[in-house]
Amino acid sequence: QVVLLLIALLAILWLGSGIYRVQPG
């Protein structure tokens, strides 16, 4: 269960790496 949880966490982090922020200008 820990391994599966770790894999799921890594998948979430990988998907979340696509979030970016554009500053004014």
PDB file of all heavy atoms in Angstrom:
ATOM      1  N   GLN A   1       0.828  -1.212   0.000  1.00  0.00           N
ATOM      2  CA  GLN A   1       0.000   0.000   0.000  1.00  0.00           C
ATOM      3  C   GLN A   1       0.857   1.256   0.000  1.00  0.00           C
ATOM      4  O   GLN A   1       0.526   2.250  -0.648  1.00  0.00           O
ATOM      5  CB  GLN A   1      -0.942  -0.014   1.206  1.00  0.00           C
ATOM      6  CG  GLN A   1      -1.958  -1.146   1.178  1.00  0.00           C
ATOM      7  CD  GLN A   1      -2.849  -1.132   2.392  1.00  0.00           C
ATOM      8  OE1 GLN A   1      -2.645  -0.323   3.300  1.00  0.00           O
ATOM      9  NE2 GLN A   1      -3.832  -2.050   2.418  1.00  0.00           N
ATOM     10  N   VAL A   2       1.975   1.200   0.686  1.00  0.00           N
ATOM     11  CA  VAL A   2       2.896   2.351   0.701  1.00  0.00           C
ATOM     12  C   VAL A   2       3.471   2.575  -0.683  1.00  0.00           C
ATOM     13  O   VAL A   2       3.596   3.720  -1.167  1.00  0.00           O
ATOM     14  CB  VAL A   2       4.009   2.117   1.736  1.00  0.00           C
ATOM     15  CG1 VAL A   2       5.002   3.276   1.718  1.00  0.00           C
ATOM     16  CG2 VAL A   2       3.413   1.954   3.126  1.00  0.00           C
ATOM     17  N   VAL A   3       3.804   1.485  -1.364  1.00  0.00           N
ATOM     18  CA  VAL A   3       4.364   1.612  -2.714  1.00  0.00           C
ATOM     19  C   VAL A   3       3.330   2.212  -3.656  1.00  0.00           C
ATOM     20  O   VAL A   3       3.628   3.121  -4.446  1.00  0.00           O
ATOM     21  CB  VAL A   3       4.844   0.233  -3.203  1.00  0.00           C
ATOM     22  CG1 VAL A   3       5.310   0.329  -4.663  1.00  0.00           C
ATOM     23  CG2 VAL A   3       5.968  -0.278  -2.321  1.00  0.00           C
ATOM     24  N   LEU A   4       2.108   1.699  -3.570  1.00  0.00           N
ATOM     25  CA  LEU A   4       1.065   2.252  -4.429  1.00  0.00           C
ATOM     26  C   LEU A   4       0.798   3.728  -4.123  1.00  0.00           C
ATOM     27  O   LEU A   4       0.584   4.545  -5.024  1.00  0.00           O
ATOM     28  CB  LEU A   4      -0.218   1.443  -4.255  1.00  0.00           C
ATOM     29  CG  LEU A   4      -0.178  -0.004  -4.757  1.00  0.00           C
ATOM     30  CD1 LEU A   4      -1.490  -0.718  -4.441  1.00  0.00           C
ATOM     31  CD2 LEU A   4       0.092  -0.048  -6.250  1.00  0.00           C
ATOM     32  N   LEU A   5       0.800   4.052  -2.837  1.00  0.00           N
ATOM     33  CA  LEU A   5       0.606   5.448  -2.453  1.00  0.00           C
ATOM     34  C   LEU A   5       1.720   6.330  -2.986  1.00  0.00           C
ATOM     35  O   LEU A   5       1.498   7.452  -3.457  1.00  0.00           O
ATOM     36  CB  LEU A   5       0.512   5.560  -0.932  1.00  0.00           C
ATOM     37  CG  LEU A   5       0.268   6.974  -0.367  1.00  0.00           C
ATOM     38  CD1 LEU A   5      -1.061   7.525  -0.901  1.00  0.00           C
ATOM     39  CD2 LEU A   5       0.288   6.950   1.141  1.00  0.00           C
ATOM     40  N   LEU A   6       2.944   5.827  -2.932  1.00  0.00           N
ATOM     41  CA  LEU A   6       4.087   6.587  -3.451  1.00  0.00           C
ATOM     42  C   LEU A   6       3.970   6.795  -4.955  1.00  0.00           C
ATOM     43  O   LEU A   6       4.239   7.890  -5.477  1.00  0.00           O
ATOM     44  CB  LEU A   6       5.380   5.850  -3.102  1.00  0.00           C
ATOM     45  CG  LEU A   6       6.685   6.538  -3.549  1.00  0.00           C
ATOM     46  CD1 LEU A   6       6.806   7.918  -2.912  1.00  0.00           C
ATOM     47  CD2 LEU A   6       7.882   5.678  -3.180  1.00  0.00           C
ATOM     48  N   ILE A   7       3.557   5.742  -5.651  1.00  0.00           N
ATOM     49  CA  ILE A   7       3.386   5.865  -7.105  1.00  0.00           C
ATOM     50  C   ILE A   7       2.295   6.885  -7.428  1.00  0.00           C
ATOM     51  O   ILE A   7       2.430   7.730  -8.327  1.00  0.00           O
ATOM     52  CB  ILE A   7       3.063   4.492  -7.716  1.00  0.00           C
ATOM     53  CG1 ILE A   7       4.270   3.553  -7.565  1.00  0.00           C
ATOM     54  CG2 ILE A   7       2.688   4.629  -9.184  1.00  0.00           C
ATOM     55  CD1 ILE A   7       3.991   2.133  -8.000  1.00  0.00           C
ATOM     56  N   ALA A   8       1.184   6.855  -6.689  1.00  0.00           N
ATOM     57  CA  ALA A   8       0.099   7.809  -6.918  1.00  0.00           C
ATOM     58  C   ALA A   8       0.542   9.241  -6.638  1.00  0.00           C
ATOM     59  O   ALA A   8       0.204  10.179  -7.376  1.00  0.00           O
ATOM     60  CB  ALA A   8      -1.097   7.444  -6.044  1.00  0.00           C
ATOM     61  N   LEU A   9       1.353   9.405  -5.569  1.00  0.00           N
ATOM     62  CA  LEU A   9       1.853  10.733  -5.241  1.00  0.00           C
ATOM     63  C   LEU A   9       2.764  11.268  -6.335  1.00  0.00           C
ATOM     64  O   LEU A   9       2.675  12.448  -6.733  1.00  0.00           O
ATOM     65  CB  LEU A   9       2.591  10.690  -3.892  1.00  0.00           C
ATOM     66  CG  LEU A   9       3.160  12.023  -3.394  1.00  0.00           C
ATOM     67  CD1 LEU A   9       2.040  13.053  -3.222  1.00  0.00           C
ATOM     68  CD2 LEU A   9       3.916  11.815  -2.088  1.00  0.00           C
ATOM     69  N   LEU A  10       3.629  10.392  -6.838  1.00  0.00           N
ATOM     70  CA  LEU A  10       4.516  10.816  -7.925  1.00  0.00           C
ATOM     71  C   LEU A  10       3.712  11.176  -9.174  1.00  0.00           C
ATOM     72  O   LEU A  10       4.044  12.148  -9.881  1.00  0.00           O
ATOM     73  CB  LEU A  10       5.518   9.705  -8.241  1.00  0.00           C
ATOM     74  CG  LEU A  10       6.573   9.418  -7.164  1.00  0.00           C
ATOM     75  CD1 LEU A  10       7.443   8.243  -7.558  1.00  0.00           C
ATOM     76  CD2 LEU A  10       7.429  10.658  -6.907  1.00  0.00           C
ATOM     77  N   ALA A  11       2.636  10.424  -9.438  1.00  0.00           N
ATOM     78  CA  ALA A  11       1.803  10.739 -10.600  1.00  0.00           C
ATOM     79  C   ALA A  11       1.122  12.090 -10.433  1.00  0.00           C
ATOM     80  O   ALA A  11       1.020  12.886 -11.386  1.00  0.00           O
ATOM     81  CB  ALA A  11       0.768   9.637 -10.800  1.00  0.00           C
ATOM     82  N   ILE A  12       0.657  12.383  -9.206  1.00  0.00           N
ATOM     83  CA  ILE A  12       0.018  13.687  -8.956  1.00  0.00           C
ATOM     84  C   ILE A  12       1.014  14.827  -9.133  1.00  0.00           C
ATOM     85  O   ILE A  12       0.710  15.860  -9.735  1.00  0.00           O
ATOM     86  CB  ILE A  12      -0.613  13.700  -7.555  1.00  0.00           C
ATOM     87  CG1 ILE A  12      -1.787  12.715  -7.486  1.00  0.00           C
ATOM     88  CG2 ILE A  12      -1.087  15.097  -7.189  1.00  0.00           C
ATOM     89  CD1 ILE A  12      -2.368  12.545  -6.102  1.00  0.00           C
ATOM     90  N   LEU A  13       2.210  14.623  -8.599  1.00  0.00           N
ATOM     91  CA  LEU A  13       3.238  15.662  -8.747  1.00  0.00           C
ATOM     92  C   LEU A  13       3.598  15.853 -10.208  1.00  0.00           C
ATOM     93  O   LEU A  13       3.824  16.987 -10.662  1.00  0.00           O
ATOM     94  CB  LEU A  13       4.483  15.283  -7.929  1.00  0.00           C
ATOM     95  CG  LEU A  13       4.318  15.300  -6.410  1.00  0.00           C
ATOM     96  CD1 LEU A  13       5.599  14.830  -5.739  1.00  0.00           C
ATOM     97  CD2 LEU A  13       3.948  16.701  -5.924  1.00  0.00           C
ATOM     98  N   TRP A  14       3.662  14.788 -10.952  1.00  0.00           N
ATOM     99  CA  TRP A  14       4.001  14.891 -12.378  1.00  0.00           C
ATOM    100  C   TRP A  14       2.909  15.645 -13.142  1.00  0.00           C
ATOM    101  O   TRP A  14       3.200  16.509 -13.960  1.00  0.00           O
ATOM    102  CB  TRP A  14       4.193  13.490 -12.946  1.00  0.00           C
ATOM    103  CG  TRP A  14       4.554  13.491 -14.406  1.00  0.00           C
ATOM    104  CD1 TRP A  14       5.710  13.902 -14.977  1.00  0.00           C
ATOM    105  CD2 TRP A  14       3.712  13.056 -15.484  1.00  0.00           C
ATOM    106  NE1 TRP A  14       5.679  13.751 -16.326  1.00  0.00           N
ATOM    107  CE2 TRP A  14       4.438  13.232 -16.683  1.00  0.00           C
ATOM    108  CE3 TRP A  14       2.429  12.524 -15.547  1.00  0.00           C
ATOM    109  CZ2 TRP A  14       3.935  12.897 -17.926  1.00  0.00           C
ATOM    110  CZ3 TRP A  14       1.917  12.190 -16.795  1.00  0.00           C
ATOM    111  CH2 TRP A  14       2.656  12.377 -17.966  1.00  0.00           C
ATOM    112  N   LEU A  15       1.651  15.327 -12.845  1.00  0.00           N
ATOM    113  CA  LEU A  15       0.561  16.052 -13.495  1.00  0.00           C
ATOM    114  C   LEU A  15       0.507  17.509 -13.046  1.00  0.00           C
ATOM    115  O   LEU A  15       0.199  18.406 -13.826  1.00  0.00           O
ATOM    116  CB  LEU A  15      -0.770  15.354 -13.196  1.00  0.00           C
ATOM    117  CG  LEU A  15      -0.958  13.963 -13.806  1.00  0.00           C
ATOM    118  CD1 LEU A  15      -2.257  13.343 -13.307  1.00  0.00           C
ATOM    119  CD2 LEU A  15      -0.953  14.040 -15.325  1.00  0.00           C
ATOM    120  N   GLY A  16       0.807  17.745 -11.769  1.00  0.00           N
ATOM    121  CA  GLY A  16       0.789  19.120 -11.260  1.00  0.00           C
ATOM    122  C   GLY A  16       1.933  19.971 -11.769  1.00  0.00           C
ATOM    123  O   GLY A  16       1.887  21.203 -11.663  1.00  0.00           O
ATOM    124  N   SER A  17       2.984  19.348 -12.308  1.00  0.00           N
ATOM    125  CA  SER A  17       4.104  20.142 -12.829  1.00  0.00           C
ATOM    126  C   SER A  17       3.718  20.950 -14.062  1.00  0.00           C
ATOM    127  O   SER A  17       4.474  21.823 -14.492  1.00  0.00           O
ATOM    128  CB  SER A  17       5.273  19.216 -13.165  1.00  0.00           C
ATOM    129  OG  SER A  17       4.915  18.304 -14.206  1.00  0.00           O
ATOM    130  N   GLY A  18       2.547  20.661 -14.640  1.00  0.00           N
ATOM    131  CA  GLY A  18       2.109  21.432 -15.807  1.00  0.00           C
ATOM    132  C   GLY A  18       1.463  22.752 -15.453  1.00  0.00           C
ATOM    133  O   GLY A  18       1.129  23.536 -16.351  1.00  0.00           O
ATOM    134  N   ILE A  19       1.272  23.057 -14.189  1.00  0.00           N
ATOM    135  CA  ILE A  19       0.688  24.337 -13.780  1.00  0.00           C
ATOM    136  C   ILE A  19       1.774  25.416 -13.821  1.00  0.00           C
ATOM    137  O   ILE A  19       2.880  25.219 -13.315  1.00  0.00           O
ATOM    138  CB  ILE A  19       0.084  24.236 -12.375  1.00  0.00           C
ATOM    139  CG1 ILE A  19      -1.022  23.171 -12.341  1.00  0.00           C
ATOM    140  CG2 ILE A  19      -0.476  25.588 -11.936  1.00  0.00           C
ATOM    141  CD1 ILE A  19      -1.570  22.920 -10.963  1.00  0.00           C
ATOM    142  N   TYR A  20       1.466  26.542 -14.434  1.00  0.00           N
ATOM    143  CA  TYR A  20       2.414  27.655 -14.506  1.00  0.00           C
ATOM    144  C   TYR A  20       1.650  28.959 -14.287  1.00  0.00           C
ATOM    145  O   TYR A  20       0.429  29.015 -14.389  1.00  0.00           O
ATOM    146  CB  TYR A  20       3.143  27.668 -15.850  1.00  0.00           C
ATOM    147  CG  TYR A  20       2.244  27.892 -17.039  1.00  0.00           C
ATOM    148  CD1 TYR A  20       1.998  29.172 -17.525  1.00  0.00           C
ATOM    149  CD2 TYR A  20       1.629  26.812 -17.674  1.00  0.00           C
ATOM    150  CE1 TYR A  20       1.171  29.371 -18.602  1.00  0.00           C
ATOM    151  CE2 TYR A  20       0.794  27.004 -18.751  1.00  0.00           C
ATOM    152  CZ  TYR A  20       0.567  28.293 -19.228  1.00  0.00           C
ATOM    153  OH  TYR A  20      -0.256  28.496 -20.291  1.00  0.00           O
ATOM    154  N   ARG A  21       2.411  30.015 -14.028  1.00  0.00           N
ATOM    155  CA  ARG A  21       1.824  31.342 -13.755  1.00  0.00           C
ATOM    156  C   ARG A  21       2.488  32.363 -14.669  1.00  0.00           C
ATOM    157  O   ARG A  21       3.716  32.412 -14.758  1.00  0.00           O
ATOM    158  CB  ARG A  21       2.001  31.725 -12.292  1.00  0.00           C
ATOM    159  CG  ARG A  21       1.400  33.091 -11.949  1.00  0.00           C
ATOM    160  CD  ARG A  21       1.604  33.429 -10.491  1.00  0.00           C
ATOM    161  NE  ARG A  21       1.034  34.719 -10.149  1.00  0.00           N
ATOM    162  CZ  ARG A  21      -0.228  34.920  -9.825  1.00  0.00           C
ATOM    163  NH1 ARG A  21      -1.067  33.882  -9.807  1.00  0.00           N
ATOM    164  NH2 ARG A  21      -0.685  36.117  -9.528  1.00  0.00           N
ATOM    165  N   VAL A  22       1.675  33.170 -15.318  1.00  0.00           N
ATOM    166  CA  VAL A  22       2.156  34.249 -16.181  1.00  0.00           C
ATOM    167  C   VAL A  22       2.037  35.561 -15.421  1.00  0.00           C
ATOM    168  O   VAL A  22       0.934  35.959 -15.019  1.00  0.00           O
ATOM    169  CB  VAL A  22       1.354  34.310 -17.495  1.00  0.00           C
ATOM    170  CG1 VAL A  22       1.816  35.487 -18.354  1.00  0.00           C
ATOM    171  CG2 VAL A  22       1.489  33.003 -18.260  1.00  0.00           C
ATOM    172  N   GLN A  23       3.170  36.220 -15.201  1.00  0.00           N
ATOM    173  CA  GLN A  23       3.191  37.489 -14.482  1.00  0.00           C
ATOM    174  C   GLN A  23       2.764  38.632 -15.414  1.00  0.00           C
ATOM    175  O   GLN A  23       2.805  38.504 -16.638  1.00  0.00           O
ATOM    176  CB  GLN A  23       4.602  37.768 -13.943  1.00  0.00           C
ATOM    177  CG  GLN A  23       5.117  36.725 -12.974  1.00  0.00           C
ATOM    178  CD  GLN A  23       4.342  36.732 -11.668  1.00  0.00           C
ATOM    179  OE1 GLN A  23       3.719  37.728 -11.303  1.00  0.00           O
ATOM    180  NE2 GLN A  23       4.396  35.602 -10.954  1.00  0.00           N
ATOM    181  N   PRO A  24       2.308  39.762 -14.839  1.00  0.00           N
ATOM    182  CA  PRO A  24       1.979  40.925 -15.676  1.00  0.00           C
ATOM    183  C   PRO A  24       3.189  41.348 -16.504  1.00  0.00           C
ATOM    184  O   PRO A  24       4.318  41.431 -15.997  1.00  0.00           O
ATOM    185  CB  PRO A  24       1.594  42.006 -14.654  1.00  0.00           C
ATOM    186  CG  PRO A  24       1.126  41.235 -13.466  1.00  0.00           C
ATOM    187  CD  PRO A  24       1.970  39.989 -13.421  1.00  0.00           C
ATOM    188  N   GLY A  25       2.962  41.605 -17.769  1.00  0.00           N
ATOM    189  CA  GLY A  25       4.045  41.976 -18.671  1.00  0.00           C
ATOM    190  C   GLY A  25       4.729  40.795 -19.326  1.00  0.00           C
ATOM    191  O   GLY A  25       5.681  40.997 -20.080  1.00  0.00           O
TER     192      GLY A  25
END
